[in-house]
């Protein structure tokens, strides 16, 4: 059974939102911590890296079933 075209588009949009939210929250958290501890820009960079890592891991976990052929 072919996957509905709109369902695939909605999944891609959701993936994009997930990546964007991970990165923005990592940046904002790092920026906030930098303001509290006066370590500008160290914790902002750490937050960015953690946000990117979480985004990559999450995207991997989301597309893994599609790569393996599981269509749940």
C-alpha atoms as a PDB file:
ATOM      1  CA  UNK A   1       0.000   0.000   0.000  1.00  0.00           C
ATOM      2  CA  UNK A   2       1.586   3.335  -1.037  1.00  0.00           C
ATOM      3  CA  UNK A   3       2.051   5.945   1.646  1.00  0.00           C
ATOM      4  CA  UNK A   4      -0.223   8.938   1.289  1.00  0.00           C
ATOM      5  CA  UNK A   5       1.716  11.887  -0.143  1.00  0.00           C
ATOM      6  CA  UNK A   6       0.366  14.252   2.528  1.00  0.00           C
ATOM      7  CA  UNK A   7       1.343  11.885   5.310  1.00  0.00           C
ATOM      8  CA  UNK A   8       4.936  11.899   4.076  1.00  0.00           C
ATOM      9  CA  UNK A   9       4.925  15.683   3.812  1.00  0.00           C
ATOM     10  CA  UNK A  10       3.554  16.005   7.348  1.00  0.00           C
ATOM     11  CA  UNK A  11       6.311  13.746   8.661  1.00  0.00           C
ATOM     12  CA  UNK A  12       8.963  15.882   6.983  1.00  0.00           C
ATOM     13  CA  UNK A  13       7.451  19.048   8.422  1.00  0.00           C
ATOM     14  CA  UNK A  14       7.424  17.432  11.859  1.00  0.00           C
ATOM     15  CA  UNK A  15      11.058  16.451  11.441  1.00  0.00           C
ATOM     16  CA  UNK A  16      11.948  20.027  10.530  1.00  0.00           C
ATOM     17  CA  UNK A  17      10.127  21.392  13.567  1.00  0.00           C
ATOM     18  CA  UNK A  18      11.890  18.870  15.797  1.00  0.00           C
ATOM     19  CA  UNK A  19      15.321  19.892  14.507  1.00  0.00           C
ATOM     20  CA  UNK A  20      14.532  23.592  14.812  1.00  0.00           C
ATOM     21  CA  UNK A  21      13.180  23.292  18.344  1.00  0.00           C
ATOM     22  CA  UNK A  22      16.180  21.242  19.518  1.00  0.00           C
ATOM     23  CA  UNK A  23      18.629  23.790  18.164  1.00  0.00           C
ATOM     24  CA  UNK A  24      16.743  26.849  19.422  1.00  0.00           C
ATOM     25  CA  UNK A  25      16.215  25.399  22.910  1.00  0.00           C
ATOM     26  CA  UNK A  26      19.893  24.454  23.119  1.00  0.00           C
ATOM     27  CA  UNK A  27      20.914  27.973  22.118  1.00  0.00           C
ATOM     28  CA  UNK A  28      18.464  29.693  24.443  1.00  0.00           C
ATOM     29  CA  UNK A  29      19.417  27.451  27.353  1.00  0.00           C
ATOM     30  CA  UNK A  30      23.112  28.107  26.781  1.00  0.00           C
ATOM     31  CA  UNK A  31      22.517  31.824  26.410  1.00  0.00           C
ATOM     32  CA  UNK A  32      20.514  31.895  29.653  1.00  0.00           C
ATOM     33  CA  UNK A  33      23.188  29.937  31.522  1.00  0.00           C
ATOM     34  CA  UNK A  34      25.871  32.261  30.145  1.00  0.00           C
ATOM     35  CA  UNK A  35      23.959  35.189  31.607  1.00  0.00           C
ATOM     36  CA  UNK A  36      23.696  33.488  34.999  1.00  0.00           C
ATOM     37  CA  UNK A  37      27.324  32.378  35.235  1.00  0.00           C
ATOM     38  CA  UNK A  38      29.068  35.022  33.125  1.00  0.00           C
ATOM     39  CA  UNK A  39      30.746  32.503  30.838  1.00  0.00           C
ATOM     40  CA  UNK A  40      29.738  34.139  27.567  1.00  0.00           C
ATOM     41  CA  UNK A  41      29.882  32.486  24.895  1.00  0.00           C
ATOM     42  CA  UNK A  42      31.032  29.103  26.259  1.00  0.00           C
ATOM     43  CA  UNK A  43      27.686  27.716  27.413  1.00  0.00           C
ATOM     44  CA  UNK A  44      25.891  29.062  24.347  1.00  0.00           C
ATOM     45  CA  UNK A  45      28.235  27.013  22.173  1.00  0.00           C
ATOM     46  CA  UNK A  46      27.781  23.982  24.430  1.00  0.00           C
ATOM     47  CA  UNK A  47      23.998  24.399  24.195  1.00  0.00           C
ATOM     48  CA  UNK A  48      24.209  24.634  20.414  1.00  0.00           C
ATOM     49  CA  UNK A  49      26.306  21.470  20.193  1.00  0.00           C
ATOM     50  CA  UNK A  50      23.974  19.591  22.539  1.00  0.00           C
ATOM     51  CA  UNK A  51      20.937  20.775  20.580  1.00  0.00           C
ATOM     52  CA  UNK A  52      22.507  19.669  17.314  1.00  0.00           C
ATOM     53  CA  UNK A  53      23.464  16.294  18.774  1.00  0.00           C
ATOM     54  CA  UNK A  54      19.948  15.754  20.094  1.00  0.00           C
ATOM     55  CA  UNK A  55      18.491  16.758  16.730  1.00  0.00           C
ATOM     56  CA  UNK A  56      20.729  14.359  14.806  1.00  0.00           C
ATOM     57  CA  UNK A  57      19.965  11.501  17.198  1.00  0.00           C
ATOM     58  CA  UNK A  58      16.238  12.210  17.097  1.00  0.00           C
ATOM     59  CA  UNK A  59      16.137  12.385  13.307  1.00  0.00           C
ATOM     60  CA  UNK A  60      18.064   9.123  13.133  1.00  0.00           C
ATOM     61  CA  UNK A  61      15.573   7.459  15.480  1.00  0.00           C
ATOM     62  CA  UNK A  62      12.630   8.847  13.492  1.00  0.00           C
ATOM     63  CA  UNK A  63      13.857   7.685  10.082  1.00  0.00           C
ATOM     64  CA  UNK A  64      15.264   4.346  11.244  1.00  0.00           C
ATOM     65  CA  UNK A  65      11.935   2.490  10.803  1.00  0.00           C
ATOM     66  CA  UNK A  66      11.686   3.821   7.264  1.00  0.00           C
ATOM     67  CA  UNK A  67      15.196   2.686   6.482  1.00  0.00           C
ATOM     68  CA  UNK A  68      14.527  -0.786   7.838  1.00  0.00           C
ATOM     69  CA  UNK A  69      11.246  -1.012   5.966  1.00  0.00           C
ATOM     70  CA  UNK A  70       8.924  -0.994   8.998  1.00  0.00           C
ATOM     71  CA  UNK A  71       5.831   1.049   8.149  1.00  0.00           C
ATOM     72  CA  UNK A  72       4.046   1.361  11.513  1.00  0.00           C
END
